[in-house]
Amino acid sequence: MLAGFRAGAQGQIDFSGIASGGNPPYHYKLATFGGFPPIGLILAPNGVLSGIPKTSGRSREFRVCAVDLSGNQTCVWVQLDIAAATPTPTPTPTPTPSSSSVYANWSCGSSSQCATIMGAAQGTTGKFCAIADCNAWGNKFIPGGYSCSTTSGPGLQRISVGINGQCNVSGVDF
């Protein structure tokens, strides 16, 4: 019994080794009344069985023959099992901005350095698709002077989006 094929996947088996002696070159064919390979597989004249089988789970028997230049042939019985298809993994969706975007709200209090950096004593920057990006932004620009929230902060609104027109992303937009 041969294996090597999986339903829905390209496969190949070379039968050219069944020929010896006689009057070469050889060509290969399926024997008359000898069964046939699973649907989707083709035996080429060079002895290569290839293709993409359509179904799995059922063993198929057929005969492959090598024919020499004088018309003499030798045949072998082949039993071929097709394995079940490998499941296709489901891709992980990319997050998109929504009404639940996260904003970094800051309040500088009496710190003139924070107000200078941000351009105002309090406000909002955003939007971020993930809380981790909001935290990364705050840690980079004003450690300890911000909070992340799903609502924009009071005062001067400095809401912006990333360079791609979407959410700000750590390592991409800042």
Protein backbone atom coordinates (compact mmCIF):
# COMPACT_ATOMS: atom_id res chain seq x y z
CA MET A 1 0.00 0.00 0.00
CA LEU A 2 1.27 3.47 -0.90
CA ALA A 3 0.75 6.75 0.89
CA GLY A 4 2.00 10.20 -0.06
CA PHE A 5 -1.17 11.98 -1.10
CA ARG A 6 -3.45 14.19 0.95
CA ALA A 7 -6.91 15.23 -0.23
CA GLY A 8 -6.83 18.75 -1.67
CA ALA A 9 -3.00 18.89 -1.82
CA GLN A 10 -0.57 18.41 -4.68
CA GLY A 11 1.23 15.06 -4.60
CA GLN A 12 3.40 12.83 -6.80
CA ILE A 13 4.65 9.20 -7.02
CA ASP A 14 7.17 8.02 -9.61
CA PHE A 15 6.58 4.51 -11.03
CA SER A 16 9.43 4.61 -13.55
CA GLY A 17 11.37 2.11 -11.42
CA ILE A 18 9.01 -0.79 -12.27
CA ALA A 19 10.57 -1.18 -15.74
CA SER A 20 13.71 -3.21 -16.43
CA GLY A 21 15.05 -5.22 -19.34
CA GLY A 22 13.08 -5.36 -22.58
CA ASN A 23 13.58 -2.80 -25.30
CA PRO A 24 13.76 0.74 -23.79
CA PRO A 25 12.60 3.47 -23.80
CA TYR A 26 9.46 2.79 -21.78
CA HIS A 27 6.15 4.55 -21.48
CA TYR A 28 3.60 4.02 -18.73
CA LYS A 29 -0.15 3.49 -18.74
CA LEU A 30 -3.01 2.18 -16.65
CA ALA A 31 -3.88 -1.44 -17.38
CA THR A 32 -7.12 -2.19 -19.18
CA PHE A 33 -9.65 -3.48 -16.63
CA GLY A 34 -7.13 -2.76 -13.88
CA GLY A 35 -8.99 -0.06 -11.96
CA PHE A 36 -8.11 3.58 -11.85
CA PRO A 37 -6.47 6.06 -9.47
CA PRO A 38 -8.52 8.45 -7.34
CA ILE A 39 -10.21 11.37 -9.12
CA GLY A 40 -7.76 14.23 -9.56
CA LEU A 41 -4.67 12.05 -10.14
CA ILE A 42 -3.18 11.41 -13.59
CA LEU A 43 -0.54 8.89 -14.69
CA ALA A 44 1.79 10.60 -17.18
CA PRO A 45 3.62 8.64 -19.94
CA ASN A 46 6.89 9.12 -17.98
CA GLY A 47 5.49 7.03 -15.08
CA VAL A 48 4.73 9.89 -12.68
CA LEU A 49 1.34 9.79 -10.95
CA SER A 50 0.52 13.33 -9.85
CA GLY A 51 -2.28 15.75 -9.16
CA ILE A 52 -4.61 16.87 -6.40
CA PRO A 53 -6.93 14.12 -5.15
CA LYS A 54 -10.47 15.33 -4.49
CA THR A 55 -11.53 12.92 -1.73
CA SER A 56 -9.96 10.91 1.09
CA GLY A 57 -10.64 7.91 3.25
CA ARG A 58 -11.09 5.24 0.60
CA SER A 59 -8.35 2.95 -0.65
CA ARG A 60 -8.10 2.60 -4.46
CA GLU A 61 -6.55 -0.30 -6.36
CA PHE A 62 -5.30 -0.03 -9.95
CA ARG A 63 -2.56 -1.42 -12.16
CA VAL A 64 0.33 0.62 -13.59
CA CYS A 65 2.09 -0.87 -16.63
CA ALA A 66 5.49 -0.13 -18.16
CA VAL A 67 5.50 -0.73 -21.94
CA ASP A 68 8.75 -1.07 -23.90
CA LEU A 69 9.44 -0.08 -27.53
CA SER A 70 8.43 -3.58 -28.75
CA GLY A 71 5.04 -3.40 -26.97
CA ASN A 72 5.97 -5.79 -24.16
CA GLN A 73 4.61 -4.75 -20.80
CA THR A 74 4.99 -5.48 -17.14
CA CYS A 75 2.32 -4.34 -14.67
CA VAL A 76 2.13 -3.89 -10.90
CA TRP A 77 -0.92 -3.64 -8.67
CA VAL A 78 -1.05 -0.42 -6.69
CA GLN A 79 -3.18 0.19 -3.61
CA LEU A 80 -3.31 3.90 -2.80
CA ASP A 81 -4.78 5.52 0.30
CA ILE A 82 -5.51 9.24 0.33
CA ALA A 83 -5.09 10.94 3.71
CA ALA A 84 -7.63 13.47 4.97
CA ALA A 85 -7.09 17.10 4.05
CA THR A 86 -5.07 19.29 6.42
CA PRO A 87 -7.36 21.91 7.96
CA THR A 88 -6.73 25.47 6.80
CA PRO A 89 -5.94 27.78 9.74
CA THR A 90 -8.30 30.70 10.24
CA PRO A 91 -6.45 34.03 10.00
CA THR A 92 -6.56 36.35 13.02
CA PRO A 93 -8.49 39.51 12.18
CA THR A 94 -6.63 42.84 12.30
CA PRO A 95 -8.07 45.24 14.88
CA THR A 96 -9.83 48.25 13.43
CA PRO A 97 -10.58 51.51 15.18
CA SER A 98 -14.05 51.79 16.64
CA SER A 99 -16.03 53.89 19.05
CA SER A 100 -14.24 52.04 21.86
CA SER A 101 -10.81 53.45 20.92
CA VAL A 102 -8.52 54.28 23.83
CA TYR A 103 -7.28 57.84 24.49
CA ALA A 104 -4.35 59.00 26.61
CA ASN A 105 -5.63 61.83 28.82
CA TRP A 106 -3.03 64.00 30.51
CA SER A 107 -3.03 66.59 33.22
CA CYS A 108 0.22 68.41 33.88
CA GLY A 109 -0.95 70.15 37.04
CA SER A 110 1.77 72.67 37.92
CA SER A 111 4.50 71.05 35.84
CA SER A 112 5.63 73.55 33.22
CA GLN A 113 7.81 70.89 31.54
CA CYS A 114 4.81 68.64 30.86
CA ALA A 115 2.75 71.58 29.60
CA THR A 116 5.64 72.60 27.32
CA ILE A 117 6.02 69.09 25.92
CA MET A 118 2.30 68.67 25.33
CA GLY A 119 1.46 72.26 24.42
CA ALA A 120 -1.19 72.57 27.12
CA ALA A 121 -1.71 71.78 30.80
CA GLN A 122 -4.28 69.09 30.04
CA GLY A 123 -5.84 67.37 27.07
CA THR A 124 -6.09 64.17 25.09
CA THR A 125 -4.06 62.33 22.54
CA GLY A 126 -5.33 59.31 20.71
CA LYS A 127 -6.72 57.34 19.38
CA PHE A 128 -5.14 54.02 20.23
CA CYS A 129 -6.56 50.64 19.25
CA ALA A 130 -5.06 48.91 22.26
CA ILE A 131 -4.46 49.81 25.87
CA ALA A 132 -0.83 48.64 25.52
CA ASP A 133 -0.21 51.26 22.81
CA CYS A 134 -1.79 53.95 25.01
CA ASN A 135 0.45 52.92 27.93
CA ALA A 136 3.54 52.87 25.70
CA TRP A 137 2.76 56.41 24.50
CA GLY A 138 2.32 57.70 28.05
CA ASN A 139 5.49 56.04 29.32
CA LYS A 140 7.46 57.59 26.48
CA PHE A 141 6.22 61.17 26.73
CA ILE A 142 4.93 61.89 30.24
CA PRO A 143 5.56 59.01 32.66
CA GLY A 144 3.04 59.12 35.50
CA GLY A 145 1.16 62.11 34.06
CA TYR A 146 -1.54 60.36 32.05
CA SER A 147 -4.36 57.86 32.23
CA CYS A 148 -5.84 55.73 29.48
CA SER A 149 -9.59 55.87 28.92
CA THR A 150 -12.20 55.20 26.24
CA THR A 151 -13.33 58.84 26.45
CA SER A 152 -11.35 61.91 25.44
CA GLY A 153 -10.12 64.17 28.21
CA PRO A 154 -11.05 67.72 29.20
CA GLY A 155 -9.46 70.93 28.00
CA LEU A 156 -7.57 71.30 24.78
CA GLN A 157 -8.38 68.34 22.56
CA ARG A 158 -5.25 67.10 20.81
CA ILE A 159 -6.80 63.97 19.32
CA SER A 160 -4.79 62.66 16.41
CA VAL A 161 -4.54 59.45 14.43
CA GLY A 162 -1.56 57.45 13.29
CA ILE A 163 0.33 57.97 10.03
CA ASN A 164 -1.88 55.36 8.35
CA GLY A 165 -5.04 57.29 9.21
CA GLN A 166 -5.99 54.66 11.77
CA CYS A 167 -5.08 54.21 15.43
CA ASN A 168 -1.71 55.23 16.84
CA VAL A 169 0.48 52.14 17.15
CA SER A 170 3.62 51.82 19.31
CA GLY A 171 6.74 51.42 17.17
CA VAL A 172 4.94 52.76 14.08
CA ASP A 173 3.51 56.18 14.96
CA PHE A 174 5.67 57.09 17.96
